[in-house]
Structures are given as C-alpha cells and as structure tokens.
All heavy atoms as atom14 arrays in JSON, in Angstrom:
{
  "sequence": "LGHLALQYARIFGAETIAVDVTDDKLALARELGADHVLDARTQDV",
  "atom14_mask": [
    [1, 1, 1, 1, 1, 1, 1, 1, 0, 0, 0, 0, 0, 0],
    [1, 1, 1, 1, 0, 0, 0, 0, 0, 0, 0, 0, 0, 0],
    [1, 1, 1, 1, 1, 1, 1, 1, 1, 1, 0, 0, 0, 0],
    [1, 1, 1, 1, 1, 1, 1, 1, 0, 0, 0, 0, 0, 0],
    [1, 1, 1, 1, 1, 0, 0, 0, 0, 0, 0, 0, 0, 0],
    [1, 1, 1, 1, 1, 1, 1, 1, 0, 0, 0, 0, 0, 0],
    [1, 1, 1, 1, 1, 1, 1, 1, 1, 0, 0, 0, 0, 0],
    [1, 1, 1, 1, 1, 1, 1, 1, 1, 1, 1, 1, 0, 0],
    [1, 1, 1, 1, 1, 0, 0, 0, 0, 0, 0, 0, 0, 0],
    [1, 1, 1, 1, 1, 1, 1, 1, 1, 1, 1, 0, 0, 0],
    [1, 1, 1, 1, 1, 1, 1, 1, 0, 0, 0, 0, 0, 0],
    [1, 1, 1, 1, 1, 1, 1, 1, 1, 1, 1, 0, 0, 0],
    [1, 1, 1, 1, 0, 0, 0, 0, 0, 0, 0, 0, 0, 0],
    [1, 1, 1, 1, 1, 0, 0, 0, 0, 0, 0, 0, 0, 0],
    [1, 1, 1, 1, 1, 1, 1, 1, 1, 0, 0, 0, 0, 0],
    [1, 1, 1, 1, 1, 1, 1, 0, 0, 0, 0, 0, 0, 0],
    [1, 1, 1, 1, 1, 1, 1, 1, 0, 0, 0, 0, 0, 0],
    [1, 1, 1, 1, 1, 0, 0, 0, 0, 0, 0, 0, 0, 0],
    [1, 1, 1, 1, 1, 1, 1, 0, 0, 0, 0, 0, 0, 0],
    [1, 1, 1, 1, 1, 1, 1, 1, 0, 0, 0, 0, 0, 0],
    [1, 1, 1, 1, 1, 1, 1, 0, 0, 0, 0, 0, 0, 0],
    [1, 1, 1, 1, 1, 1, 1, 0, 0, 0, 0, 0, 0, 0],
    [1, 1, 1, 1, 1, 1, 1, 1, 0, 0, 0, 0, 0, 0],
    [1, 1, 1, 1, 1, 1, 1, 1, 0, 0, 0, 0, 0, 0],
    [1, 1, 1, 1, 1, 1, 1, 1, 1, 0, 0, 0, 0, 0],
    [1, 1, 1, 1, 1, 1, 1, 1, 0, 0, 0, 0, 0, 0],
    [1, 1, 1, 1, 1, 0, 0, 0, 0, 0, 0, 0, 0, 0],
    [1, 1, 1, 1, 1, 1, 1, 1, 0, 0, 0, 0, 0, 0],
    [1, 1, 1, 1, 1, 0, 0, 0, 0, 0, 0, 0, 0, 0],
    [1, 1, 1, 1, 1, 1, 1, 1, 1, 1, 1, 0, 0, 0],
    [1, 1, 1, 1, 1, 1, 1, 1, 1, 0, 0, 0, 0, 0],
    [1, 1, 1, 1, 1, 1, 1, 1, 0, 0, 0, 0, 0, 0],
    [1, 1, 1, 1, 0, 0, 0, 0, 0, 0, 0, 0, 0, 0],
    [1, 1, 1, 1, 1, 0, 0, 0, 0, 0, 0, 0, 0, 0],
    [1, 1, 1, 1, 1, 1, 1, 1, 0, 0, 0, 0, 0, 0],
    [1, 1, 1, 1, 1, 1, 1, 1, 1, 1, 0, 0, 0, 0],
    [1, 1, 1, 1, 1, 1, 1, 0, 0, 0, 0, 0, 0, 0],
    [1, 1, 1, 1, 1, 1, 1, 1, 0, 0, 0, 0, 0, 0],
    [1, 1, 1, 1, 1, 1, 1, 1, 0, 0, 0, 0, 0, 0],
    [1, 1, 1, 1, 1, 0, 0, 0, 0, 0, 0, 0, 0, 0],
    [1, 1, 1, 1, 1, 1, 1, 1, 1, 1, 1, 0, 0, 0],
    [1, 1, 1, 1, 1, 1, 1, 0, 0, 0, 0, 0, 0, 0],
    [1, 1, 1, 1, 1, 1, 1, 1, 1, 0, 0, 0, 0, 0],
    [1, 1, 1, 1, 1, 1, 1, 1, 0, 0, 0, 0, 0, 0],
    [1, 1, 1, 1, 1, 1, 1, 0, 0, 0, 0, 0, 0, 0]
  ],
  "atom14_positions": [
    [[28.87, -113.83, 181.7], [29.77, -113.58, 182.83], [29.37, -112.31, 183.58], [29.35, -112.29, 184.81], [31.22, -113.47, 182.36], [31.98, -114.78, 182.16], [31.56, -115.47, 180.88], [33.48, -114.54, 182.15], [0.0, 0.0, 0.0], [0.0, 0.0, 0.0], [0.0, 0.0, 0.0], [0.0, 0.0, 0.0], [0.0, 0.0, 0.0], [0.0, 0.0, 0.0]],
    [[29.07, -111.27, 182.83], [28.86, -109.96, 183.44], [27.68, -109.9, 184.39], [27.72, -109.18, 185.39], [0.0, 0.0, 0.0], [0.0, 0.0, 0.0], [0.0, 0.0, 0.0], [0.0, 0.0, 0.0], [0.0, 0.0, 0.0], [0.0, 0.0, 0.0], [0.0, 0.0, 0.0], [0.0, 0.0, 0.0], [0.0, 0.0, 0.0], [0.0, 0.0, 0.0]],
    [[26.6, -110.64, 184.09], [25.45, -110.57, 184.99], [25.78, -111.18, 186.34], [25.22, -110.77, 187.37], [24.21, -111.23, 184.35], [24.06, -112.7, 184.55], [24.82, -113.62, 183.85], [23.25, -113.42, 185.38], [24.46, -114.83, 184.22], [23.52, -114.74, 185.15], [0.0, 0.0, 0.0], [0.0, 0.0, 0.0], [0.0, 0.0, 0.0], [0.0, 0.0, 0.0]],
    [[26.73, -112.12, 186.37], [27.18, -112.68, 187.64], [28.22, -111.77, 188.29], [28.2, -111.56, 189.51], [27.75, -114.09, 187.43], [26.69, -115.14, 187.1], [27.32, -116.39, 186.5], [25.89, -115.5, 188.35], [0.0, 0.0, 0.0], [0.0, 0.0, 0.0], [0.0, 0.0, 0.0], [0.0, 0.0, 0.0], [0.0, 0.0, 0.0], [0.0, 0.0, 0.0]],
    [[29.12, -111.19, 187.5], [30.11, -110.26, 188.04], [29.42, -109.1, 188.75], [29.87, -108.66, 189.83], [31.01, -109.74, 186.92], [0.0, 0.0, 0.0], [0.0, 0.0, 0.0], [0.0, 0.0, 0.0], [0.0, 0.0, 0.0], [0.0, 0.0, 0.0], [0.0, 0.0, 0.0], [0.0, 0.0, 0.0], [0.0, 0.0, 0.0], [0.0, 0.0, 0.0]],
    [[28.36, -108.6, 188.17], [27.61, -107.5, 188.78], [27.06, -107.91, 190.15], [27.13, -107.15, 191.12], [26.48, -107.08, 187.84], [25.59, -105.93, 188.27], [26.41, -104.67, 188.51], [24.52, -105.68, 187.22], [0.0, 0.0, 0.0], [0.0, 0.0, 0.0], [0.0, 0.0, 0.0], [0.0, 0.0, 0.0], [0.0, 0.0, 0.0], [0.0, 0.0, 0.0]],
    [[26.56, -109.14, 190.22], [26.02, -109.61, 191.5], [27.12, -109.8, 192.54], [26.94, -109.47, 193.72], [25.26, -110.92, 191.28], [24.01, -110.74, 190.43], [23.33, -112.06, 190.14], [22.76, -112.69, 191.04], [23.38, -112.51, 188.89], [0.0, 0.0, 0.0], [0.0, 0.0, 0.0], [0.0, 0.0, 0.0], [0.0, 0.0, 0.0], [0.0, 0.0, 0.0]],
    [[28.28, -110.3, 192.12], [29.38, -110.47, 193.08], [29.89, -109.1, 193.55], [30.22, -108.94, 194.73], [30.52, -111.28, 192.45], [30.15, -112.72, 192.19], [30.37, -113.3, 190.94], [29.56, -113.5, 193.17], [30.01, -114.61, 190.68], [29.2, -114.81, 192.92], [29.42, -115.37, 191.67], [29.06, -116.67, 191.42], [0.0, 0.0, 0.0], [0.0, 0.0, 0.0]],
    [[29.95, -108.12, 192.66], [30.39, -106.79, 193.07], [29.45, -106.23, 194.14], [29.89, -105.59, 195.1], [30.44, -105.86, 191.86], [0.0, 0.0, 0.0], [0.0, 0.0, 0.0], [0.0, 0.0, 0.0], [0.0, 0.0, 0.0], [0.0, 0.0, 0.0], [0.0, 0.0, 0.0], [0.0, 0.0, 0.0], [0.0, 0.0, 0.0], [0.0, 0.0, 0.0]],
    [[28.16, -106.49, 193.99], [27.19, -106.05, 194.99], [27.38, -106.81, 196.3], [27.29, -106.22, 197.39], [25.77, -106.22, 194.46], [25.39, -105.19, 193.39], [24.08, -105.53, 192.7], [22.98, -105.75, 193.64], [22.27, -104.79, 194.21], [22.55, -103.51, 193.95], [21.29, -105.09, 195.04], [0.0, 0.0, 0.0], [0.0, 0.0, 0.0], [0.0, 0.0, 0.0]],
    [[27.65, -108.11, 196.21], [27.91, -108.91, 197.42], [29.13, -108.37, 198.16], [29.16, -108.32, 199.4], [28.11, -110.39, 197.04], [26.78, -111.01, 196.6], [28.71, -111.19, 198.21], [26.91, -112.39, 195.99], [0.0, 0.0, 0.0], [0.0, 0.0, 0.0], [0.0, 0.0, 0.0], [0.0, 0.0, 0.0], [0.0, 0.0, 0.0], [0.0, 0.0, 0.0]],
    [[30.14, -107.93, 197.39], [31.36, -107.4, 198.0], [31.13, -106.0, 198.6], [32.02, -105.45, 199.22], [32.48, -107.32, 196.96], [33.13, -108.64, 196.65], [32.43, -109.83, 196.7], [34.47, -108.69, 196.31], [33.03, -111.03, 196.4], [35.1, -109.91, 196.01], [34.36, -111.09, 196.06], [0.0, 0.0, 0.0], [0.0, 0.0, 0.0], [0.0, 0.0, 0.0]],
    [[29.95, -105.42, 198.37], [29.62, -104.13, 198.96], [29.99, -102.93, 198.12], [29.97, -101.8, 198.62], [0.0, 0.0, 0.0], [0.0, 0.0, 0.0], [0.0, 0.0, 0.0], [0.0, 0.0, 0.0], [0.0, 0.0, 0.0], [0.0, 0.0, 0.0], [0.0, 0.0, 0.0], [0.0, 0.0, 0.0], [0.0, 0.0, 0.0], [0.0, 0.0, 0.0]],
    [[30.32, -103.13, 196.84], [30.78, -102.03, 196.0], [29.62, -101.27, 195.37], [28.52, -101.81, 195.19], [31.7, -102.56, 194.9], [0.0, 0.0, 0.0], [0.0, 0.0, 0.0], [0.0, 0.0, 0.0], [0.0, 0.0, 0.0], [0.0, 0.0, 0.0], [0.0, 0.0, 0.0], [0.0, 0.0, 0.0], [0.0, 0.0, 0.0], [0.0, 0.0, 0.0]],
    [[29.87, -100.02, 195.04], [29.0, -99.24, 194.17], [29.25, -99.73, 192.75], [30.4, -99.82, 192.32], [29.33, -97.76, 194.3], [28.53, -96.84, 193.4], [28.97, -95.38, 193.51], [29.77, -95.07, 194.42], [28.55, -94.57, 192.67], [0.0, 0.0, 0.0], [0.0, 0.0, 0.0], [0.0, 0.0, 0.0], [0.0, 0.0, 0.0], [0.0, 0.0, 0.0]],
    [[28.2, -100.07, 192.01], [28.4, -100.77, 190.74], [28.03, -99.92, 189.54], [27.04, -99.18, 189.55], [27.56, -102.07, 190.72], [26.19, -101.76, 191.02], [28.1, -103.06, 191.74], [0.0, 0.0, 0.0], [0.0, 0.0, 0.0], [0.0, 0.0, 0.0], [0.0, 0.0, 0.0], [0.0, 0.0, 0.0], [0.0, 0.0, 0.0], [0.0, 0.0, 0.0]],
    [[28.84, -100.07, 188.49], [28.61, -99.4, 187.21], [28.58, -100.48, 186.14], [29.55, -101.22, 185.96], [29.74, -98.41, 186.88], [29.94, -97.41, 188.02], [29.45, -97.68, 185.57], [31.25, -96.65, 187.94], [0.0, 0.0, 0.0], [0.0, 0.0, 0.0], [0.0, 0.0, 0.0], [0.0, 0.0, 0.0], [0.0, 0.0, 0.0], [0.0, 0.0, 0.0]],
    [[27.46, -100.62, 185.45], [27.31, -101.62, 184.41], [27.39, -100.96, 183.04], [26.78, -99.91, 182.82], [25.98, -102.35, 184.55], [0.0, 0.0, 0.0], [0.0, 0.0, 0.0], [0.0, 0.0, 0.0], [0.0, 0.0, 0.0], [0.0, 0.0, 0.0], [0.0, 0.0, 0.0], [0.0, 0.0, 0.0], [0.0, 0.0, 0.0], [0.0, 0.0, 0.0]],
    [[28.14, -101.57, 182.11], [28.31, -101.02, 180.77], [27.97, -102.09, 179.74], [28.43, -103.24, 179.85], [29.76, -100.54, 180.54], [29.92, -99.96, 179.14], [30.18, -99.53, 181.6], [0.0, 0.0, 0.0], [0.0, 0.0, 0.0], [0.0, 0.0, 0.0], [0.0, 0.0, 0.0], [0.0, 0.0, 0.0], [0.0, 0.0, 0.0], [0.0, 0.0, 0.0]],
    [[27.19, -101.73, 178.74], [26.92, -102.65, 177.64], [26.49, -101.84, 176.42], [26.44, -100.6, 176.45], [25.84, -103.68, 178.02], [26.02, -105.0, 177.27], [25.69, -105.06, 176.07], [26.54, -105.96, 177.86], [0.0, 0.0, 0.0], [0.0, 0.0, 0.0], [0.0, 0.0, 0.0], [0.0, 0.0, 0.0], [0.0, 0.0, 0.0], [0.0, 0.0, 0.0]],
    [[26.19, -102.58, 175.33], [25.84, -101.92, 174.06], [24.52, -102.45, 173.49], [24.2, -102.17, 172.35], [26.96, -102.1, 173.01], [28.21, -101.35, 173.44], [27.26, -103.57, 172.76], [0.0, 0.0, 0.0], [0.0, 0.0, 0.0], [0.0, 0.0, 0.0], [0.0, 0.0, 0.0], [0.0, 0.0, 0.0], [0.0, 0.0, 0.0], [0.0, 0.0, 0.0]],
    [[23.77, -103.21, 174.27], [22.48, -103.72, 173.8], [21.4, -103.38, 174.82], [21.64, -103.39, 176.04], [22.49, -105.24, 173.57], [22.74, -105.91, 174.81], [23.56, -105.63, 172.57], [0.0, 0.0, 0.0], [0.0, 0.0, 0.0], [0.0, 0.0, 0.0], [0.0, 0.0, 0.0], [0.0, 0.0, 0.0], [0.0, 0.0, 0.0], [0.0, 0.0, 0.0]],
    [[20.21, -103.1, 174.33], [19.12, -102.67, 175.2], [18.75, -103.73, 176.24], [18.49, -103.41, 177.4], [17.88, -102.33, 174.36], [18.1, -101.11, 173.47], [19.0, -100.31, 173.78], [17.37, -100.97, 172.46], [0.0, 0.0, 0.0], [0.0, 0.0, 0.0], [0.0, 0.0, 0.0], [0.0, 0.0, 0.0], [0.0, 0.0, 0.0], [0.0, 0.0, 0.0]],
    [[18.72, -105.0, 175.81], [18.3, -106.04, 176.76], [19.32, -106.23, 177.88], [18.94, -106.47, 179.04], [18.02, -107.37, 176.04], [19.21, -107.91, 175.28], [20.11, -107.12, 174.93], [19.26, -109.13, 175.04], [0.0, 0.0, 0.0], [0.0, 0.0, 0.0], [0.0, 0.0, 0.0], [0.0, 0.0, 0.0], [0.0, 0.0, 0.0], [0.0, 0.0, 0.0]],
    [[20.61, -106.11, 177.57], [21.63, -106.27, 178.61], [21.63, -105.07, 179.57], [21.85, -105.22, 180.77], [23.01, -106.43, 177.98], [23.13, -107.59, 176.99], [23.0, -108.93, 177.67], [22.98, -110.08, 176.66], [24.15, -110.12, 175.79], [0.0, 0.0, 0.0], [0.0, 0.0, 0.0], [0.0, 0.0, 0.0], [0.0, 0.0, 0.0], [0.0, 0.0, 0.0]],
    [[21.36, -103.89, 179.04], [21.25, -102.71, 179.9], [20.05, -102.84, 180.83], [20.12, -102.49, 182.01], [21.15, -101.44, 179.04], [22.39, -101.14, 178.18], [22.08, -100.04, 177.16], [23.58, -100.75, 179.04], [0.0, 0.0, 0.0], [0.0, 0.0, 0.0], [0.0, 0.0, 0.0], [0.0, 0.0, 0.0], [0.0, 0.0, 0.0], [0.0, 0.0, 0.0]],
    [[18.96, -103.37, 180.28], [17.77, -103.6, 181.11], [18.04, -104.64, 182.19], [17.6, -104.51, 183.34], [16.59, -104.02, 180.23], [0.0, 0.0, 0.0], [0.0, 0.0, 0.0], [0.0, 0.0, 0.0], [0.0, 0.0, 0.0], [0.0, 0.0, 0.0], [0.0, 0.0, 0.0], [0.0, 0.0, 0.0], [0.0, 0.0, 0.0], [0.0, 0.0, 0.0]],
    [[18.79, -105.68, 181.81], [19.15, -106.73, 182.78], [19.99, -106.14, 183.91], [19.79, -106.47, 185.09], [19.9, -107.85, 182.08], [20.42, -108.99, 182.96], [19.28, -109.67, 183.71], [21.19, -110.02, 182.12], [0.0, 0.0, 0.0], [0.0, 0.0, 0.0], [0.0, 0.0, 0.0], [0.0, 0.0, 0.0], [0.0, 0.0, 0.0], [0.0, 0.0, 0.0]],
    [[20.92, -105.26, 183.57], [21.76, -104.63, 184.59], [20.9, -103.85, 185.58], [21.13, -103.91, 186.8], [22.79, -103.72, 183.93], [0.0, 0.0, 0.0], [0.0, 0.0, 0.0], [0.0, 0.0, 0.0], [0.0, 0.0, 0.0], [0.0, 0.0, 0.0], [0.0, 0.0, 0.0], [0.0, 0.0, 0.0], [0.0, 0.0, 0.0], [0.0, 0.0, 0.0]],
    [[19.92, -103.13, 185.09], [19.03, -102.38, 185.98], [18.23, -103.34, 186.86], [18.07, -103.11, 188.07], [18.08, -101.5, 185.17], [18.78, -100.39, 184.39], [17.78, -99.46, 183.73], [18.47, -98.46, 182.9], [18.7, -98.6, 181.6], [18.28, -99.7, 180.96], [19.36, -97.68, 180.93], [0.0, 0.0, 0.0], [0.0, 0.0, 0.0], [0.0, 0.0, 0.0]],
    [[17.75, -104.43, 186.25], [16.97, -105.43, 187.0], [17.79, -106.04, 188.13], [17.27, -106.35, 189.2], [16.5, -106.52, 186.03], [15.67, -107.62, 186.66], [15.36, -108.73, 185.68], [15.41, -108.49, 184.46], [15.07, -109.85, 186.15], [0.0, 0.0, 0.0], [0.0, 0.0, 0.0], [0.0, 0.0, 0.0], [0.0, 0.0, 0.0], [0.0, 0.0, 0.0]],
    [[19.1, -106.21, 187.89], [19.97, -106.83, 188.89], [20.5, -105.83, 189.92], [21.27, -106.21, 190.8], [21.14, -107.54, 188.19], [20.76, -108.77, 187.36], [21.96, -109.27, 186.55], [20.21, -109.89, 188.24], [0.0, 0.0, 0.0], [0.0, 0.0, 0.0], [0.0, 0.0, 0.0], [0.0, 0.0, 0.0], [0.0, 0.0, 0.0], [0.0, 0.0, 0.0]],
    [[20.1, -104.57, 189.79], [20.41, -103.61, 190.83], [21.65, -102.78, 190.63], [22.17, -102.21, 191.6], [0.0, 0.0, 0.0], [0.0, 0.0, 0.0], [0.0, 0.0, 0.0], [0.0, 0.0, 0.0], [0.0, 0.0, 0.0], [0.0, 0.0, 0.0], [0.0, 0.0, 0.0], [0.0, 0.0, 0.0], [0.0, 0.0, 0.0], [0.0, 0.0, 0.0]],
    [[22.15, -102.66, 189.41], [23.32, -101.82, 189.17], [23.03, -100.38, 189.61], [21.95, -99.85, 189.36], [23.71, -101.84, 187.7], [0.0, 0.0, 0.0], [0.0, 0.0, 0.0], [0.0, 0.0, 0.0], [0.0, 0.0, 0.0], [0.0, 0.0, 0.0], [0.0, 0.0, 0.0], [0.0, 0.0, 0.0], [0.0, 0.0, 0.0], [0.0, 0.0, 0.0]],
    [[24.0, -99.76, 190.26], [23.81, -98.38, 190.72], [23.85, -97.39, 189.57], [23.17, -96.36, 189.62], [24.9, -98.03, 191.75], [24.79, -98.88, 193.0], [23.74, -98.83, 193.66], [25.76, -99.62, 193.31], [0.0, 0.0, 0.0], [0.0, 0.0, 0.0], [0.0, 0.0, 0.0], [0.0, 0.0, 0.0], [0.0, 0.0, 0.0], [0.0, 0.0, 0.0]],
    [[24.64, -97.68, 188.55], [24.75, -96.83, 187.36], [24.79, -97.73, 186.14], [25.45, -98.77, 186.15], [26.02, -95.97, 187.4], [26.23, -95.26, 188.7], [25.61, -94.07, 189.01], [27.0, -95.59, 189.78], [25.98, -93.7, 190.23], [26.83, -94.59, 190.71], [0.0, 0.0, 0.0], [0.0, 0.0, 0.0], [0.0, 0.0, 0.0], [0.0, 0.0, 0.0]],
    [[24.08, -97.37, 185.09], [24.04, -98.15, 183.85], [24.42, -97.23, 182.69], [23.79, -96.18, 182.5], [22.64, -98.76, 183.63], [22.62, -99.54, 182.31], [22.25, -99.67, 184.79], [0.0, 0.0, 0.0], [0.0, 0.0, 0.0], [0.0, 0.0, 0.0], [0.0, 0.0, 0.0], [0.0, 0.0, 0.0], [0.0, 0.0, 0.0], [0.0, 0.0, 0.0]],
    [[25.45, -97.62, 181.95], [25.96, -96.8, 180.84], [25.83, -97.54, 179.52], [26.17, -98.72, 179.42], [27.42, -96.43, 181.09], [27.71, -95.63, 182.37], [29.22, -95.37, 182.49], [26.95, -94.32, 182.37], [0.0, 0.0, 0.0], [0.0, 0.0, 0.0], [0.0, 0.0, 0.0], [0.0, 0.0, 0.0], [0.0, 0.0, 0.0], [0.0, 0.0, 0.0]],
    [[25.37, -96.83, 178.52], [25.25, -97.35, 177.16], [26.45, -96.87, 176.36], [26.56, -95.68, 176.02], [23.94, -96.84, 176.54], [23.67, -97.43, 175.16], [24.6, -97.96, 174.54], [22.51, -97.35, 174.71], [0.0, 0.0, 0.0], [0.0, 0.0, 0.0], [0.0, 0.0, 0.0], [0.0, 0.0, 0.0], [0.0, 0.0, 0.0], [0.0, 0.0, 0.0]],
    [[27.37, -97.8, 176.06], [28.61, -97.42, 175.38], [28.37, -96.98, 173.94], [29.28, -96.41, 173.32], [29.6, -98.58, 175.42], [0.0, 0.0, 0.0], [0.0, 0.0, 0.0], [0.0, 0.0, 0.0], [0.0, 0.0, 0.0], [0.0, 0.0, 0.0], [0.0, 0.0, 0.0], [0.0, 0.0, 0.0], [0.0, 0.0, 0.0], [0.0, 0.0, 0.0]],
    [[27.18, -97.2, 173.39], [26.87, -96.74, 172.04], [26.7, -95.23, 171.99], [27.01, -94.59, 170.98], [25.59, -97.4, 171.53], [25.67, -98.9, 171.34], [24.29, -99.49, 171.07], [23.37, -99.25, 172.19], [22.14, -99.76, 172.27], [21.69, -100.54, 171.29], [21.36, -99.51, 173.31], [0.0, 0.0, 0.0], [0.0, 0.0, 0.0], [0.0, 0.0, 0.0]],
    [[26.18, -94.67, 173.07], [25.81, -93.25, 173.05], [26.53, -92.41, 174.11], [26.4, -91.19, 174.1], [24.29, -93.11, 173.28], [23.95, -93.7, 174.55], [23.52, -93.81, 172.17], [0.0, 0.0, 0.0], [0.0, 0.0, 0.0], [0.0, 0.0, 0.0], [0.0, 0.0, 0.0], [0.0, 0.0, 0.0], [0.0, 0.0, 0.0], [0.0, 0.0, 0.0]],
    [[27.24, -93.07, 175.02], [27.91, -92.35, 176.1], [29.41, -92.6, 176.08], [29.85, -93.7, 175.71], [27.34, -92.77, 177.46], [25.88, -92.38, 177.67], [25.3, -92.97, 178.94], [24.97, -94.15, 178.99], [25.19, -92.14, 179.98], [0.0, 0.0, 0.0], [0.0, 0.0, 0.0], [0.0, 0.0, 0.0], [0.0, 0.0, 0.0], [0.0, 0.0, 0.0]],
    [[30.17, -91.61, 176.48], [31.6, -91.75, 176.65], [31.82, -92.38, 178.02], [31.73, -91.7, 179.05], [32.28, -90.38, 176.55], [33.8, -90.45, 176.66], [34.32, -91.35, 177.35], [34.46, -89.58, 176.07], [0.0, 0.0, 0.0], [0.0, 0.0, 0.0], [0.0, 0.0, 0.0], [0.0, 0.0, 0.0], [0.0, 0.0, 0.0], [0.0, 0.0, 0.0]],
    [[32.06, -93.68, 178.03], [32.1, -94.43, 179.29], [33.16, -93.87, 180.24], [32.88, -93.61, 181.42], [32.35, -95.93, 179.02], [32.63, -96.68, 180.33], [31.16, -96.53, 178.29], [0.0, 0.0, 0.0], [0.0, 0.0, 0.0], [0.0, 0.0, 0.0], [0.0, 0.0, 0.0], [0.0, 0.0, 0.0], [0.0, 0.0, 0.0], [0.0, 0.0, 0.0]]
  ]
}
C-alpha cells in the first residue's frame, strides 16, 4: 500500500516523508522520490 500512497501524495503536490524499518523498503521510497526517508529502527520518527 505504502509505495502507492507515496506516489499519490506526490501527485497531490505534497512534501513527502517515508517511514519504514527495512532496508529494501527505504531504498524503494528513495527510488520513488520521497523527499525525506526515515528509518524507524534507528531514528525517533
């Protein structure tokens, strides 16, 4: 769901923040153009 939600947020013109706990999903968020990517394992979201 989230990889599509991120794309819709961008379509709506929003500044986007993607949060996940796995390396591949964080990489996917960057690939899809998230403005900010946070790793909930190591960062206080």
